[in-house]
Amino acid sequence: MAEGTIKTLNRERGYGFIMADGESGELYFDRLGVAGTPFDELAEEQHVTFTTAPDPLKPERLRAEDVRLVEETQDHAV
């Protein structure tokens, strides 16, 4: 799993962008790609883990999926 920081959230439209650690670009994610914490409880600048997959609308781009707060992934490891 990759790690990064939530940079932008649009709660009304249900999507956001993650800046992956060590990368220069942002990855799109939507409320369906969030696991664990409800989308409405996420906040900008939170540290998350995620996987990537091709965007169904633009397969040449990657999007973030299985987005989880870092605290949640540590809880599952215990």
PDB file of N, CA and C in Angstrom:
ATOM      1  N   MET A   1       0.838  -1.193   0.000  1.00  0.00           N
ATOM      2  CA  MET A   1       0.000   0.000   0.000  1.00  0.00           C
ATOM      3  C   MET A   1       0.872   1.242   0.000  1.00  0.00           C
ATOM      4  N   ALA A   2       0.406   2.233  -0.727  1.00  0.00           N
ATOM      5  CA  ALA A   2       1.091   3.524  -0.754  1.00  0.00           C
ATOM      6  C   ALA A   2       0.545   4.404   0.373  1.00  0.00           C
ATOM      7  N   GLU A   3       1.298   5.457   0.695  1.00  0.00           N
ATOM      8  CA  GLU A   3       0.854   6.425   1.701  1.00  0.00           C
ATOM      9  C   GLU A   3       0.879   7.812   1.115  1.00  0.00           C
ATOM     10  N   GLY A   4       0.057   8.681   1.677  1.00  0.00           N
ATOM     11  CA  GLY A   4       0.007  10.062   1.219  1.00  0.00           C
ATOM     12  C   GLY A   4      -0.843  10.909   2.143  1.00  0.00           C
ATOM     13  N   THR A   5      -1.110  12.139   1.711  1.00  0.00           N
ATOM     14  CA  THR A   5      -1.853  13.113   2.498  1.00  0.00           C
ATOM     15  C   THR A   5      -3.023  13.636   1.679  1.00  0.00           C
ATOM     16  N   ILE A   6      -4.191  13.719   2.313  1.00  0.00           N
ATOM     17  CA  ILE A   6      -5.351  14.298   1.638  1.00  0.00           C
ATOM     18  C   ILE A   6      -5.099  15.791   1.462  1.00  0.00           C
ATOM     19  N   LYS A   7      -5.108  16.252   0.227  1.00  0.00           N
ATOM     20  CA  LYS A   7      -4.846  17.663  -0.067  1.00  0.00           C
ATOM     21  C   LYS A   7      -6.123  18.459  -0.286  1.00  0.00           C
ATOM     22  N   THR A   8      -7.118  17.842  -0.908  1.00  0.00           N
ATOM     23  CA  THR A   8      -8.351  18.547  -1.234  1.00  0.00           C
ATOM     24  C   THR A   8      -9.529  17.615  -1.027  1.00  0.00           C
ATOM     25  N   LEU A   9     -10.624  18.144  -0.458  1.00  0.00           N
ATOM     26  CA  LEU A   9     -11.866  17.393  -0.335  1.00  0.00           C
ATOM     27  C   LEU A   9     -13.018  18.257  -0.819  1.00  0.00           C
ATOM     28  N   ASN A  10     -13.906  17.686  -1.595  1.00  0.00           N
ATOM     29  CA  ASN A  10     -15.134  18.355  -1.993  1.00  0.00           C
ATOM     30  C   ASN A  10     -16.270  17.491  -1.463  1.00  0.00           C
ATOM     31  N   ARG A  11     -16.750  17.835  -0.274  1.00  0.00           N
ATOM     32  CA  ARG A  11     -17.768  17.015   0.390  1.00  0.00           C
ATOM     33  C   ARG A  11     -19.080  16.964  -0.391  1.00  0.00           C
ATOM     34  N   GLU A  12     -19.492  18.094  -0.978  1.00  0.00           N
ATOM     35  CA  GLU A  12     -20.761  18.122  -1.716  1.00  0.00           C
ATOM     36  C   GLU A  12     -20.743  17.159  -2.897  1.00  0.00           C
ATOM     37  N   ARG A  13     -19.628  17.080  -3.570  1.00  0.00           N
ATOM     38  CA  ARG A  13     -19.535  16.224  -4.755  1.00  0.00           C
ATOM     39  C   ARG A  13     -18.945  14.847  -4.465  1.00  0.00           C
ATOM     40  N   GLY A  14     -18.414  14.659  -3.247  1.00  0.00           N
ATOM     41  CA  GLY A  14     -17.958  13.334  -2.835  1.00  0.00           C
ATOM     42  C   GLY A  14     -16.642  12.871  -3.410  1.00  0.00           C
ATOM     43  N   TYR A  15     -15.680  13.784  -3.577  1.00  0.00           N
ATOM     44  CA  TYR A  15     -14.377  13.367  -4.076  1.00  0.00           C
ATOM     45  C   TYR A  15     -13.275  14.196  -3.430  1.00  0.00           C
ATOM     46  N   GLY A  16     -12.040  13.756  -3.657  1.00  0.00           N
ATOM     47  CA  GLY A  16     -10.888  14.480  -3.138  1.00  0.00           C
ATOM     48  C   GLY A  16      -9.638  14.087  -3.899  1.00  0.00           C
ATOM     49  N   PHE A  17      -8.510  14.664  -3.460  1.00  0.00           N
ATOM     50  CA  PHE A  17      -7.225  14.376  -4.073  1.00  0.00           C
ATOM     51  C   PHE A  17      -6.204  14.085  -2.984  1.00  0.00           C
ATOM     52  N   ILE A  18      -5.357  13.111  -3.254  1.00  0.00           N
ATOM     53  CA  ILE A  18      -4.291  12.696  -2.333  1.00  0.00           C
ATOM     54  C   ILE A  18      -2.951  12.987  -2.984  1.00  0.00           C
ATOM     55  N   MET A  19      -2.032  13.577  -2.212  1.00  0.00           N
ATOM     56  CA  MET A  19      -0.648  13.746  -2.648  1.00  0.00           C
ATOM     57  C   MET A  19       0.120  12.557  -2.082  1.00  0.00           C
ATOM     58  N   ALA A  20       0.546  11.665  -2.962  1.00  0.00           N
ATOM     59  CA  ALA A  20       1.284  10.479  -2.535  1.00  0.00           C
ATOM     60  C   ALA A  20       2.663  10.874  -2.025  1.00  0.00           C
ATOM     61  N   ASP A  21       3.116  10.246  -0.950  1.00  0.00           N
ATOM     62  CA  ASP A  21       4.445  10.509  -0.405  1.00  0.00           C
ATOM     63  C   ASP A  21       5.500  10.247  -1.485  1.00  0.00           C
ATOM     64  N   GLY A  22       6.394  11.191  -1.685  1.00  0.00           N
ATOM     65  CA  GLY A  22       7.480  11.026  -2.634  1.00  0.00           C
ATOM     66  C   GLY A  22       7.092  11.224  -4.088  1.00  0.00           C
ATOM     67  N   GLU A  23       5.864  11.628  -4.363  1.00  0.00           N
ATOM     68  CA  GLU A  23       5.395  11.832  -5.742  1.00  0.00           C
ATOM     69  C   GLU A  23       5.066  13.309  -5.955  1.00  0.00           C
ATOM     70  N   SER A  24       5.011  13.723  -7.200  1.00  0.00           N
ATOM     71  CA  SER A  24       4.730  15.134  -7.483  1.00  0.00           C
ATOM     72  C   SER A  24       3.281  15.388  -7.876  1.00  0.00           C
ATOM     73  N   GLY A  25       2.558  14.355  -8.298  1.00  0.00           N
ATOM     74  CA  GLY A  25       1.179  14.555  -8.739  1.00  0.00           C
ATOM     75  C   GLY A  25       0.171  14.113  -7.694  1.00  0.00           C
ATOM     76  N   GLU A  26      -1.063  14.547  -7.873  1.00  0.00           N
ATOM     77  CA  GLU A  26      -2.144  14.166  -6.976  1.00  0.00           C
ATOM     78  C   GLU A  26      -2.969  13.051  -7.602  1.00  0.00           C
ATOM     79  N   LEU A  27      -3.554  12.223  -6.751  1.00  0.00           N
ATOM     80  CA  LEU A  27      -4.428  11.136  -7.191  1.00  0.00           C
ATOM     81  C   LEU A  27      -5.861  11.434  -6.767  1.00  0.00           C
ATOM     82  N   TYR A  28      -6.784  11.270  -7.692  1.00  0.00           N
ATOM     83  CA  TYR A  28      -8.205  11.429  -7.438  1.00  0.00           C
ATOM     84  C   TYR A  28      -8.727  10.242  -6.638  1.00  0.00           C
ATOM     85  N   PHE A  29      -9.693  10.489  -5.745  1.00  0.00           N
ATOM     86  CA  PHE A  29     -10.451   9.411  -5.107  1.00  0.00           C
ATOM     87  C   PHE A  29     -11.866   9.909  -4.875  1.00  0.00           C
ATOM     88  N   ASP A  30     -12.812   8.976  -4.777  1.00  0.00           N
ATOM     89  CA  ASP A  30     -14.178   9.377  -4.475  1.00  0.00           C
ATOM     90  C   ASP A  30     -14.692   8.603  -3.274  1.00  0.00           C
ATOM     91  N   ARG A  31     -15.891   8.959  -2.844  1.00  0.00           N
ATOM     92  CA  ARG A  31     -16.431   8.362  -1.612  1.00  0.00           C
ATOM     93  C   ARG A  31     -16.529   6.840  -1.694  1.00  0.00           C
ATOM     94  N   LEU A  32     -16.699   6.282  -2.879  1.00  0.00           N
ATOM     95  CA  LEU A  32     -16.776   4.825  -3.018  1.00  0.00           C
ATOM     96  C   LEU A  32     -15.418   4.160  -2.827  1.00  0.00           C
ATOM     97  N   GLY A  33     -14.331   4.920  -2.931  1.00  0.00           N
ATOM     98  CA  GLY A  33     -12.996   4.377  -2.770  1.00  0.00           C
ATOM     99  C   GLY A  33     -12.468   4.446  -1.352  1.00  0.00           C
ATOM    100  N   VAL A  34     -13.310   4.911  -0.414  1.00  0.00           N
ATOM    101  CA  VAL A  34     -12.881   5.056   0.983  1.00  0.00           C
ATOM    102  C   VAL A  34     -13.318   3.822   1.766  1.00  0.00           C
ATOM    103  N   ALA A  35     -12.408   3.273   2.562  1.00  0.00           N
ATOM    104  CA  ALA A  35     -12.698   2.110   3.405  1.00  0.00           C
ATOM    105  C   ALA A  35     -12.521   2.498   4.869  1.00  0.00           C
ATOM    106  N   GLY A  36     -13.343   1.940   5.732  1.00  0.00           N
ATOM    107  CA  GLY A  36     -13.202   2.220   7.164  1.00  0.00           C
ATOM    108  C   GLY A  36     -13.938   3.488   7.552  1.00  0.00           C
ATOM    109  N   THR A  37     -13.229   4.576   7.658  1.00  0.00           N
ATOM    110  CA  THR A  37     -13.801   5.858   8.053  1.00  0.00           C
ATOM    111  C   THR A  37     -14.785   6.355   6.998  1.00  0.00           C
ATOM    112  N   PRO A  38     -15.971   6.835   7.404  1.00  0.00           N
ATOM    113  CA  PRO A  38     -16.889   7.415   6.423  1.00  0.00           C
ATOM    114  C   PRO A  38     -16.264   8.629   5.729  1.00  0.00           C
ATOM    115  N   PHE A  39     -16.566   8.800   4.448  1.00  0.00           N
ATOM    116  CA  PHE A  39     -16.016   9.894   3.661  1.00  0.00           C
ATOM    117  C   PHE A  39     -16.213  11.236   4.361  1.00  0.00           C
ATOM    118  N   ASP A  40     -17.403  11.456   4.936  1.00  0.00           N
ATOM    119  CA  ASP A  40     -17.714  12.745   5.558  1.00  0.00           C
ATOM    120  C   ASP A  40     -16.876  13.042   6.797  1.00  0.00           C
ATOM    121  N   GLU A  41     -16.172  12.044   7.325  1.00  0.00           N
ATOM    122  CA  GLU A  41     -15.314  12.253   8.495  1.00  0.00           C
ATOM    123  C   GLU A  41     -13.849  12.490   8.123  1.00  0.00           C
ATOM    124  N   LEU A  42     -13.519  12.392   6.836  1.00  0.00           N
ATOM    125  CA  LEU A  42     -12.150  12.680   6.402  1.00  0.00           C
ATOM    126  C   LEU A  42     -11.911  14.186   6.408  1.00  0.00           C
ATOM    127  N   ALA A  43     -10.647  14.566   6.517  1.00  0.00           N
ATOM    128  CA  ALA A  43     -10.284  15.985   6.525  1.00  0.00           C
ATOM    129  C   ALA A  43      -8.990  16.189   5.741  1.00  0.00           C
ATOM    130  N   GLU A  44      -8.833  17.377   5.213  1.00  0.00           N
ATOM    131  CA  GLU A  44      -7.592  17.715   4.523  1.00  0.00           C
ATOM    132  C   GLU A  44      -6.430  17.614   5.493  1.00  0.00           C
ATOM    133  N   GLU A  45      -5.275  17.219   4.973  1.00  0.00           N
ATOM    134  CA  GLU A  45      -4.023  17.043   5.712  1.00  0.00           C
ATOM    135  C   GLU A  45      -3.962  15.760   6.536  1.00  0.00           C
ATOM    136  N   GLN A  46      -4.978  14.888   6.464  1.00  0.00           N
ATOM    137  CA  GLN A  46      -4.883  13.597   7.146  1.00  0.00           C
ATOM    138  C   GLN A  46      -3.989  12.666   6.336  1.00  0.00           C
ATOM    139  N   HIS A  47      -3.239  11.826   7.042  1.00  0.00           N
ATOM    140  CA  HIS A  47      -2.338  10.869   6.404  1.00  0.00           C
ATOM    141  C   HIS A  47      -3.117   9.585   6.151  1.00  0.00           C
ATOM    142  N   VAL A  48      -3.031   9.060   4.928  1.00  0.00           N
ATOM    143  CA  VAL A  48      -3.802   7.879   4.532  1.00  0.00           C
ATOM    144  C   VAL A  48      -2.927   6.865   3.810  1.00  0.00           C
ATOM    145  N   THR A  49      -3.413   5.622   3.773  1.00  0.00           N
ATOM    146  CA  THR A  49      -2.839   4.598   2.907  1.00  0.00           C
ATOM    147  C   THR A  49      -3.863   4.336   1.811  1.00  0.00           C
ATOM    148  N   PHE A  50      -3.396   3.782   0.688  1.00  0.00           N
ATOM    149  CA  PHE A  50      -4.299   3.527  -0.425  1.00  0.00           C
ATOM    150  C   PHE A  50      -3.623   2.613  -1.434  1.00  0.00           C
ATOM    151  N   THR A  51      -4.427   2.058  -2.314  1.00  0.00           N
ATOM    152  CA  THR A  51      -3.932   1.338  -3.477  1.00  0.00           C
ATOM    153  C   THR A  51      -4.295   2.175  -4.699  1.00  0.00           C
ATOM    154  N   THR A  52      -3.740   1.828  -5.837  1.00  0.00           N
ATOM    155  CA  THR A  52      -4.088   2.546  -7.059  1.00  0.00           C
ATOM    156  C   THR A  52      -4.656   1.576  -8.094  1.00  0.00           C
ATOM    157  N   ALA A  53      -5.480   2.129  -8.971  1.00  0.00           N
ATOM    158  CA  ALA A  53      -6.083   1.360 -10.062  1.00  0.00           C
ATOM    159  C   ALA A  53      -6.363   2.327 -11.201  1.00  0.00           C
ATOM    160  N   PRO A  54      -6.484   1.833 -12.425  1.00  0.00           N
ATOM    161  CA  PRO A  54      -6.828   2.719 -13.534  1.00  0.00           C
ATOM    162  C   PRO A  54      -8.193   3.366 -13.302  1.00  0.00           C
ATOM    163  N   ASP A  55      -8.295   4.633 -13.645  1.00  0.00           N
ATOM    164  CA  ASP A  55      -9.563   5.358 -13.546  1.00  0.00           C
ATOM    165  C   ASP A  55     -10.502   4.805 -14.626  1.00  0.00           C
ATOM    166  N   PRO A  56     -11.722   4.387 -14.264  1.00  0.00           N
ATOM    167  CA  PRO A  56     -12.622   3.814 -15.270  1.00  0.00           C
ATOM    168  C   PRO A  56     -12.995   4.793 -16.390  1.00  0.00           C
ATOM    169  N   LEU A  57     -12.992   6.093 -16.089  1.00  0.00           N
ATOM    170  CA  LEU A  57     -13.336   7.080 -17.110  1.00  0.00           C
ATOM    171  C   LEU A  57     -12.143   7.470 -17.964  1.00  0.00           C
ATOM    172  N   LYS A  58     -10.951   7.405 -17.383  1.00  0.00           N
ATOM    173  CA  LYS A  58      -9.720   7.741 -18.104  1.00  0.00           C
ATOM    174  C   LYS A  58      -8.670   6.698 -17.736  1.00  0.00           C
ATOM    175  N   PRO A  59      -8.697   5.539 -18.386  1.00  0.00           N
ATOM    176  CA  PRO A  59      -7.808   4.426 -18.008  1.00  0.00           C
ATOM    177  C   PRO A  59      -6.315   4.753 -18.042  1.00  0.00           C
ATOM    178  N   GLU A  60      -5.918   5.796 -18.757  1.00  0.00           N
ATOM    179  CA  GLU A  60      -4.499   6.161 -18.781  1.00  0.00           C
ATOM    180  C   GLU A  60      -4.053   6.808 -17.465  1.00  0.00           C
ATOM    181  N   ARG A  61      -5.024   7.209 -16.624  1.00  0.00           N
ATOM    182  CA  ARG A  61      -4.706   7.811 -15.322  1.00  0.00           C
ATOM    183  C   ARG A  61      -5.006   6.834 -14.200  1.00  0.00           C
ATOM    184  N   LEU A  62      -4.254   6.964 -13.107  1.00  0.00           N
ATOM    185  CA  LEU A  62      -4.518   6.163 -11.915  1.00  0.00           C
ATOM    186  C   LEU A  62      -5.387   6.950 -10.941  1.00  0.00           C
ATOM    187  N   ARG A  63      -6.148   6.217 -10.139  1.00  0.00           N
ATOM    188  CA  ARG A  63      -6.926   6.820  -9.063  1.00  0.00           C
ATOM    189  C   ARG A  63      -6.651   6.043  -7.784  1.00  0.00           C
ATOM    190  N   ALA A  64      -6.905   6.656  -6.647  1.00  0.00           N
ATOM    191  CA  ALA A  64      -6.699   6.003  -5.352  1.00  0.00           C
ATOM    192  C   ALA A  64      -7.956   5.215  -4.970  1.00  0.00           C
ATOM    193  N   GLU A  65      -7.741   4.024  -4.430  1.00  0.00           N
ATOM    194  CA  GLU A  65      -8.826   3.178  -3.935  1.00  0.00           C
ATOM    195  C   GLU A  65      -8.419   2.613  -2.585  1.00  0.00           C
ATOM    196  N   ASP A  66      -9.378   2.044  -1.875  1.00  0.00           N
ATOM    197  CA  ASP A  66      -9.131   1.465  -0.551  1.00  0.00           C
ATOM    198  C   ASP A  66      -8.414   2.476   0.343  1.00  0.00           C
ATOM    199  N   VAL A  67      -8.896   3.717   0.321  1.00  0.00           N
ATOM    200  CA  VAL A  67      -8.300   4.808   1.094  1.00  0.00           C
ATOM    201  C   VAL A  67      -8.654   4.615   2.564  1.00  0.00           C
ATOM    202  N   ARG A  68      -7.626   4.577   3.407  1.00  0.00           N
ATOM    203  CA  ARG A  68      -7.802   4.388   4.855  1.00  0.00           C
ATOM    204  C   ARG A  68      -6.906   5.353   5.612  1.00  0.00           C
ATOM    205  N   LEU A  69      -7.409   5.839   6.742  1.00  0.00           N
ATOM    206  CA  LEU A  69      -6.564   6.650   7.613  1.00  0.00           C
ATOM    207  C   LEU A  69      -5.419   5.793   8.125  1.00  0.00           C
ATOM    208  N   VAL A  70      -4.238   6.359   8.272  1.00  0.00           N
ATOM    209  CA  VAL A  70      -3.078   5.613   8.746  1.00  0.00           C
ATOM    210  C   VAL A  70      -3.365   4.984  10.103  1.00  0.00           C
ATOM    211  N   GLU A  71      -4.078   5.684  10.982  1.00  0.00           N
ATOM    212  CA  GLU A  71      -4.404   5.149  12.306  1.00  0.00           C
ATOM    213  C   GLU A  71      -5.196   3.854  12.186  1.00  0.00           C
ATOM    214  N   GLU A  72      -6.099   3.767  11.186  1.00  0.00           N
ATOM    215  CA  GLU A  72      -6.906   2.559  10.991  1.00  0.00           C
ATOM    216  C   GLU A  72      -6.048   1.383  10.555  1.00  0.00           C
ATOM    217  N   THR A  73      -5.100   1.629   9.670  1.00  0.00           N
ATOM    218  CA  THR A  73      -4.261   0.525   9.196  1.00  0.00           C
ATOM    219  C   THR A  73      -3.379   0.012  10.327  1.00  0.00           C
ATOM    220  N   GLN A  74      -2.953   0.885  11.220  1.00  0.00           N
ATOM    221  CA  GLN A  74      -2.157   0.446  12.360  1.00  0.00           C
ATOM    222  C   GLN A  74      -3.000  -0.365  13.328  1.00  0.00           C
ATOM    223  N   ASP A  75      -4.289   0.021  13.491  1.00  0.00           N
ATOM    224  CA  ASP A  75      -5.187  -0.739  14.363  1.00  0.00           C
ATOM    225  C   ASP A  75      -5.394  -2.150  13.831  1.00  0.00           C
ATOM    226  N   HIS A  76      -5.504  -2.314  12.496  1.00  0.00           N
ATOM    227  CA  HIS A  76      -5.718  -3.634  11.908  1.00  0.00           C
ATOM    228  C   HIS A  76      -4.478  -4.516  12.019  1.00  0.00           C
ATOM    229  N   ALA A  77      -3.310  -3.915  12.131  1.00  0.00           N
ATOM    230  CA  ALA A  77      -2.078  -4.676  12.213  1.00  0.00           C
ATOM    231  C   ALA A  77      -1.860  -5.279  13.597  1.00  0.00           C
ATOM    232  N   VAL A  78      -2.524  -4.736  14.612  1.00  0.00           N
ATOM    233  CA  VAL A  78      -2.313  -5.201  15.995  1.00  0.00           C
ATOM    234  C   VAL A  78      -3.037  -6.476  16.243  1.00  0.00           C
TER     235      VAL A  78
END
